[in-house]
Protein backbone atom coordinates (compact mmCIF):
# COMPACT_ATOMS: atom_id res chain seq x y z
CA MET A 1 -168.45 -118.13 -99.66
CA LYS A 2 -169.45 -121.25 -98.87
CA ARG A 3 -166.49 -122.71 -96.86
CA ILE A 4 -168.55 -120.55 -93.94
CA ASN A 5 -172.14 -121.07 -94.70
CA PRO A 6 -173.63 -123.33 -92.08
CA ILE A 7 -175.59 -125.74 -94.37
CA LEU A 8 -171.68 -126.50 -95.77
CA LEU A 9 -169.79 -126.69 -93.09
CA GLY A 10 -168.63 -130.45 -93.00
CA LEU A 11 -165.39 -133.02 -92.02
CA SER A 12 -162.96 -134.19 -93.82
CA LEU A 13 -158.71 -133.83 -93.91
CA ALA A 14 -156.36 -131.58 -95.95
CA VAL A 15 -154.08 -128.39 -95.17
CA ALA A 16 -153.48 -125.47 -92.61
CA CYS A 17 -152.34 -121.48 -93.06
CA SER A 18 -149.11 -121.39 -92.57
CA SER A 19 -146.62 -119.18 -94.90
CA MET A 20 -142.86 -117.33 -94.70
CA ALA A 21 -142.40 -113.93 -94.81
CA ALA A 22 -141.05 -112.32 -91.65
CA ALA A 23 -141.20 -115.11 -88.82
CA GLN A 24 -144.21 -114.53 -86.40
CA GLU A 25 -144.82 -115.61 -83.16
CA THR A 26 -146.36 -119.14 -82.66
CA ALA A 27 -149.73 -117.07 -80.18
CA SER A 28 -150.38 -115.30 -83.99
CA MET A 29 -150.96 -118.83 -85.91
CA PRO A 30 -155.08 -119.83 -86.29
CA LYS A 31 -156.48 -122.21 -83.23
CA VAL A 32 -158.82 -123.90 -85.78
CA LEU A 33 -158.37 -124.40 -88.84
CA GLN A 34 -161.43 -125.17 -91.17
CA ILE A 35 -160.40 -126.34 -94.46
CA THR A 36 -163.07 -127.21 -97.72
CA ARG A 37 -161.31 -129.35 -100.19
CA GLU A 38 -163.24 -128.78 -104.12
CA PHE A 39 -162.53 -131.69 -105.96
CA ILE A 40 -162.96 -130.63 -109.78
CA LYS A 41 -164.23 -131.73 -112.88
CA PRO A 42 -162.10 -133.16 -115.62
CA TYR A 43 -160.69 -129.77 -117.91
CA LYS A 44 -163.12 -126.96 -115.31
CA SER A 45 -160.35 -125.90 -113.09
CA GLY A 46 -158.63 -122.48 -114.29
CA ALA A 47 -160.01 -119.29 -115.08
CA ALA A 48 -163.72 -121.45 -114.74
CA HIS A 49 -163.45 -121.84 -111.27
CA ASP A 50 -161.80 -118.61 -111.25
CA LYS A 51 -164.53 -117.40 -111.82
CA THR A 52 -166.99 -119.00 -109.94
CA GLU A 53 -165.38 -118.37 -107.14
CA SER A 54 -165.20 -114.72 -108.18
CA ALA A 55 -168.00 -114.28 -107.11
CA PHE A 56 -167.65 -115.50 -103.17
CA VAL A 57 -164.83 -113.24 -102.73
CA ALA A 58 -166.91 -110.04 -104.06
CA ALA A 59 -170.08 -111.08 -101.27
CA MET A 60 -167.56 -111.13 -98.55
CA SER A 61 -165.72 -107.91 -99.82
CA LYS A 62 -169.52 -106.16 -100.66
CA ALA A 63 -169.88 -107.62 -97.00
CA LYS A 64 -166.91 -106.53 -94.76
CA PHE A 65 -167.30 -110.44 -93.31
CA PRO A 66 -164.39 -110.28 -90.34
CA ALA A 67 -163.31 -114.13 -91.57
CA TYR A 68 -160.29 -114.60 -94.13
CA TYR A 69 -159.80 -117.39 -96.19
CA VAL A 70 -156.97 -118.48 -98.65
CA GLY A 71 -157.25 -120.06 -101.71
CA LEU A 72 -155.32 -122.71 -103.05
CA ASP A 73 -154.58 -125.15 -106.50
CA SER A 74 -153.28 -128.15 -106.19
CA LEU A 75 -150.25 -129.00 -108.38
CA SER A 76 -149.98 -132.06 -107.31
CA GLY A 77 -152.25 -135.06 -106.59
CA LYS A 78 -156.38 -134.85 -108.21
CA SER A 79 -156.97 -131.84 -108.90
CA ARG A 80 -158.72 -130.36 -106.74
CA ALA A 81 -159.28 -126.79 -104.86
CA LEU A 82 -158.12 -126.18 -100.76
CA PHE A 83 -159.86 -123.05 -98.85
CA LEU A 84 -158.63 -122.39 -95.35
CA THR A 85 -159.91 -120.19 -92.95
CA GLY A 86 -158.25 -119.02 -89.47
CA TYR A 87 -160.40 -118.97 -86.34
CA GLU A 88 -158.75 -118.15 -82.68
CA SER A 89 -161.50 -120.37 -81.49
CA PHE A 90 -164.44 -122.47 -81.77
CA ALA A 91 -166.36 -119.67 -80.25
CA ASP A 92 -165.00 -117.14 -82.90
CA TRP A 93 -166.33 -119.40 -85.44
CA GLU A 94 -170.08 -119.60 -84.35
CA LYS A 95 -169.89 -116.30 -84.14
CA ASP A 96 -169.29 -115.58 -88.26
CA ASN A 97 -171.65 -118.38 -88.95
CA LYS A 98 -174.11 -116.36 -87.17
CA ILE A 99 -173.09 -113.41 -89.28
CA VAL A 100 -174.18 -115.61 -92.20
CA ASP A 101 -177.17 -116.28 -90.50
CA LYS A 102 -178.59 -112.96 -89.91
CA ASN A 103 -177.64 -111.42 -93.60
CA PRO A 104 -180.08 -112.71 -95.70
CA ALA A 105 -178.41 -110.54 -99.48
CA LEU A 106 -175.01 -112.22 -98.16
CA ALA A 107 -176.95 -115.83 -97.90
CA ALA A 108 -178.69 -115.41 -100.77
CA GLU A 109 -175.76 -114.53 -102.58
CA LEU A 110 -173.33 -117.36 -101.26
CA GLU A 111 -175.93 -119.61 -102.46
CA ARG A 112 -175.86 -118.38 -106.14
CA ALA A 113 -172.86 -118.44 -106.42
CA SER A 114 -172.37 -122.13 -104.42
CA ILE A 115 -175.10 -123.10 -107.49
CA ALA A 116 -172.33 -122.05 -109.97
CA ASP A 117 -169.87 -123.20 -108.89
CA GLY A 118 -170.90 -126.94 -108.26
CA GLU A 119 -171.64 -127.38 -111.88
CA LEU A 120 -167.36 -127.32 -111.81
CA LEU A 121 -167.28 -129.80 -109.19
CA ASP A 122 -167.41 -133.76 -108.29
CA GLU A 123 -167.26 -133.56 -105.11
CA VAL A 124 -166.59 -131.24 -101.89
CA ASP A 125 -165.57 -132.14 -98.02
CA SER A 126 -164.59 -129.74 -95.25
CA GLY A 127 -162.63 -130.46 -92.54
CA VAL A 128 -161.28 -128.70 -88.76
CA PHE A 129 -158.63 -128.81 -87.26
CA THR A 130 -156.20 -127.16 -84.66
CA PHE A 131 -152.81 -126.37 -83.69
CA SER A 132 -150.22 -128.12 -81.98
CA GLU A 133 -146.86 -125.34 -80.90
CA GLU A 134 -145.60 -128.30 -79.02
CA LEU A 135 -145.65 -129.81 -82.34
CA SER A 136 -144.64 -126.86 -84.92
CA TYR A 137 -141.08 -125.24 -85.98
CA ARG A 138 -140.92 -122.30 -86.63
CA PRO A 139 -144.17 -121.29 -87.91
CA HIS A 140 -144.96 -118.47 -90.05
CA ALA A 141 -148.14 -116.43 -89.66
CA ASP A 142 -147.68 -113.87 -92.47
CA ILE A 143 -148.86 -115.22 -95.95
CA SER A 144 -148.36 -111.93 -98.01
CA HIS A 145 -145.54 -113.08 -99.99
CA ALA A 146 -146.23 -116.72 -99.62
CA ARG A 147 -146.67 -118.37 -103.30
CA TYR A 148 -147.07 -121.93 -102.38
CA MET A 149 -147.58 -124.68 -99.63
CA GLU A 150 -146.22 -127.96 -98.82
CA ILE A 151 -148.47 -130.06 -97.07
CA THR A 152 -147.83 -133.75 -95.78
CA GLU A 153 -150.80 -135.78 -93.97
CA PHE A 154 -149.45 -138.32 -91.63
CA HIS A 155 -151.49 -140.86 -89.38
CA ILE A 156 -150.08 -141.97 -86.20
CA ARG A 157 -150.52 -145.34 -85.52
CA LEU A 158 -152.73 -146.11 -82.49
CA GLY A 159 -151.20 -146.25 -79.14
CA HIS A 160 -147.94 -143.98 -80.44
CA THR A 161 -149.58 -140.73 -79.69
CA GLY A 162 -145.86 -140.62 -77.44
CA ASP A 163 -143.36 -141.96 -79.54
CA TRP A 164 -144.75 -139.32 -82.17
CA HIS A 165 -144.07 -136.63 -79.72
CA LYS A 166 -140.47 -137.97 -79.18
CA LEU A 167 -140.25 -138.16 -83.17
CA THR A 168 -141.08 -134.77 -83.63
CA THR A 169 -138.99 -133.17 -80.81
CA MET A 170 -135.78 -135.57 -82.62
CA TYR A 171 -136.21 -133.33 -85.95
CA LYS A 172 -137.16 -130.19 -84.77
CA ASP A 173 -133.33 -130.58 -82.16
CA ALA A 174 -131.90 -131.65 -85.40
CA GLN A 175 -132.54 -128.87 -87.91
CA GLU A 176 -132.18 -126.52 -85.09
CA LYS A 177 -128.61 -127.82 -84.81
CA ALA A 178 -128.37 -128.09 -87.93
CA GLY A 179 -129.13 -124.77 -89.03
CA THR A 180 -131.34 -125.01 -92.01
CA SER A 181 -135.13 -122.74 -93.09
CA ALA A 182 -136.77 -125.47 -91.76
CA HIS A 183 -140.42 -124.43 -90.50
CA TRP A 184 -143.83 -125.85 -90.37
CA ALA A 185 -147.50 -125.37 -88.28
CA THR A 186 -148.63 -128.61 -86.98
CA TYR A 187 -152.28 -129.02 -87.02
CA GLU A 188 -154.37 -131.66 -85.01
CA ALA A 189 -157.38 -133.16 -86.47
CA ALA A 190 -160.58 -132.19 -84.70
CA TYR A 191 -163.59 -133.33 -86.76
CA GLY A 192 -164.16 -135.39 -89.43
CA THR A 193 -161.30 -138.20 -89.86
CA SER A 194 -160.01 -140.71 -87.93
CA GLY A 195 -157.71 -139.91 -85.30
CA GLY A 196 -153.86 -139.83 -85.30
CA THR A 197 -154.36 -137.41 -88.04
CA TYR A 198 -151.57 -134.67 -88.30
CA LEU A 199 -151.19 -131.81 -91.09
CA SER A 200 -147.86 -130.40 -91.26
CA ILE A 201 -147.75 -126.97 -93.39
CA SER A 202 -144.76 -125.36 -94.75
CA GLY A 203 -144.59 -122.24 -97.35
CA ASP A 204 -142.19 -121.40 -100.22
CA THR A 205 -141.95 -117.42 -101.83
CA SER A 206 -140.98 -119.30 -104.80
CA MET A 207 -140.21 -122.68 -105.70
CA ALA A 208 -136.12 -122.38 -105.40
CA ASP A 209 -136.99 -122.73 -101.51
CA ILE A 210 -138.25 -126.71 -102.21
CA ASP A 211 -134.43 -126.63 -103.88
CA LYS A 212 -132.48 -125.42 -100.89
CA GLY A 213 -134.77 -128.18 -98.58
CA TYR A 214 -134.04 -131.37 -100.91
CA GLY A 215 -130.80 -129.63 -101.32
CA GLU A 216 -128.14 -127.78 -99.37
CA ASP A 217 -131.06 -127.76 -96.16
CA GLY A 218 -131.24 -131.64 -96.36
CA LYS A 219 -127.26 -132.15 -96.29
CA LYS A 220 -127.20 -130.12 -93.67
CA PHE A 221 -129.96 -131.96 -91.67
CA MET A 222 -128.16 -135.54 -92.53
CA ALA A 223 -124.77 -134.17 -91.66
CA ALA A 224 -126.29 -132.98 -88.02
CA LEU A 225 -128.04 -136.23 -87.30
CA GLY A 226 -125.47 -138.35 -88.07
CA GLU A 227 -125.21 -141.51 -89.06
CA ASP A 228 -126.37 -143.12 -85.91
CA GLY A 229 -129.20 -140.62 -85.80
CA MET A 230 -130.84 -141.42 -88.58
CA LYS A 231 -131.24 -145.02 -88.05
CA GLU A 232 -132.66 -144.43 -84.75
CA LEU A 233 -134.78 -142.03 -86.53
CA ASP A 234 -135.68 -144.15 -89.45
CA LYS A 235 -136.38 -146.66 -86.83
CA LEU A 236 -138.65 -144.97 -84.06
CA TYR A 237 -140.71 -142.95 -87.63
CA GLY A 238 -141.33 -146.89 -88.47
CA ALA A 239 -143.07 -147.57 -85.16
CA THR A 240 -144.53 -144.49 -85.19
CA VAL A 241 -145.97 -143.37 -88.83
CA GLU A 242 -148.38 -145.64 -90.60
CA SER A 243 -148.68 -143.46 -93.54
CA ALA A 244 -147.72 -139.95 -94.65
CA ASN A 245 -148.51 -138.17 -98.19
CA THR A 246 -146.93 -134.89 -99.18
CA GLN A 247 -148.85 -132.74 -101.55
CA LEU A 248 -147.82 -129.21 -103.65
CA PHE A 249 -150.26 -126.59 -103.39
CA ALA A 250 -149.93 -123.30 -105.28
CA ILE A 251 -151.83 -119.80 -103.96
CA ASN A 252 -154.45 -118.94 -105.57
CA PRO A 253 -154.45 -114.73 -104.83
CA LYS A 254 -158.34 -114.77 -107.63
CA GLN A 255 -159.35 -117.50 -105.40
CA SER A 256 -158.33 -116.26 -101.73
CA TYR A 257 -160.11 -113.42 -99.54
CA VAL A 258 -157.32 -111.74 -97.01
CA SER A 259 -156.93 -109.15 -94.76
CA PRO A 260 -156.21 -105.52 -96.65
CA GLU A 261 -153.20 -105.41 -95.00
CA THR A 262 -152.15 -108.80 -96.65
CA ILE A 263 -153.31 -106.90 -100.13
CA LYS A 264 -151.07 -103.71 -98.99
CA ALA A 265 -148.62 -105.62 -97.99
CA ASP A 266 -147.60 -107.33 -101.71
CA PRO A 267 -151.08 -105.40 -104.09
CA GLU A 268 -149.07 -106.64 -107.29
CA PHE A 269 -149.66 -110.52 -106.30
CA TRP A 270 -153.34 -110.28 -104.65
CA ALA A 271 -154.91 -106.95 -106.39
CA PRO A 272 -152.98 -106.69 -109.63
CA LYS A 273 -154.82 -104.46 -111.88
CA PRO A 274 -156.66 -105.61 -114.48
CA ALA A 275 -154.05 -105.27 -117.92
CA ALA A 276 -154.67 -101.84 -119.62
CA LYS A 277 -156.41 -102.17 -122.72
CA PRO A 278 -154.47 -102.20 -125.96
CA ALA A 279 -154.96 -98.55 -127.92
CA VAL A 280 -157.53 -98.28 -130.71
CA LYS A 281 -155.60 -97.50 -133.81
CA PRO A 282 -157.65 -94.51 -135.68
CA ALA A 283 -159.40 -95.52 -138.82
CA ALA A 284 -157.34 -94.74 -142.19
CA ALA A 285 -159.74 -91.84 -143.62
CA GLU A 286 -161.65 -93.07 -146.52
CA LYS A 287 -159.70 -92.27 -149.63
CA LYS A 288 -161.96 -90.31 -152.13
CA THR A 289 -161.87 -90.68 -155.89
CA PRO A 290 -160.36 -87.51 -158.01
């Protein structure tokens, strides 16, 4: 797939690979996250993009490529697809790139798929991010039952990194006290965008999780902070955060290349069986005149 092909690796900003299901240890989170964004031409998403992306999935599956990725479709903002690939280190990323270099057949299939996919796109960019355990809260690494991802991009004011850590600690402490279901993984931009850029990613098994966050959990959080705590949090937030932008994405299994274990955990979502073709009715017997 083009997000692995070294020729197409670039830099940018976008999203991360986290979710729900049974909570995992933070050590299981990818330490390095490579994210590619594809901005789709008007009316070229949906089935058309699923078709071109399936060529990458087929090529990776055939080659038994070791680096898996998750595809997301935007439900807010400009029409775009995101592709998230996690690595344990930059050295592991390099190893995977060399696999493509040493496999001419795979490289050729990826190139053909890229050309076809490019006909549907306005723009492509990519970015590299590193995981921050300190800034994360109960991150979930198992994406097998994930359906949506909420991603917030923060730009921190220069010289306020310490305040950012203090602000996050206050926020985490309040969530802990409130006993909410909140969870997120935080990644810091390493390449491709301005310094002080952080991504906070959380996953949802359904949109009912989003309702809970805005409703029940939101009330618990406010109560845990109290009026004075909210004022302190707001003041520190205003002094620390230059801008923040939250977007909602749906996981697209047709554009994802995931592990056999992930598929096995929820095969109906990740690898649904093709719909059975309707039975053909036998032709009516031709009537003959007596």
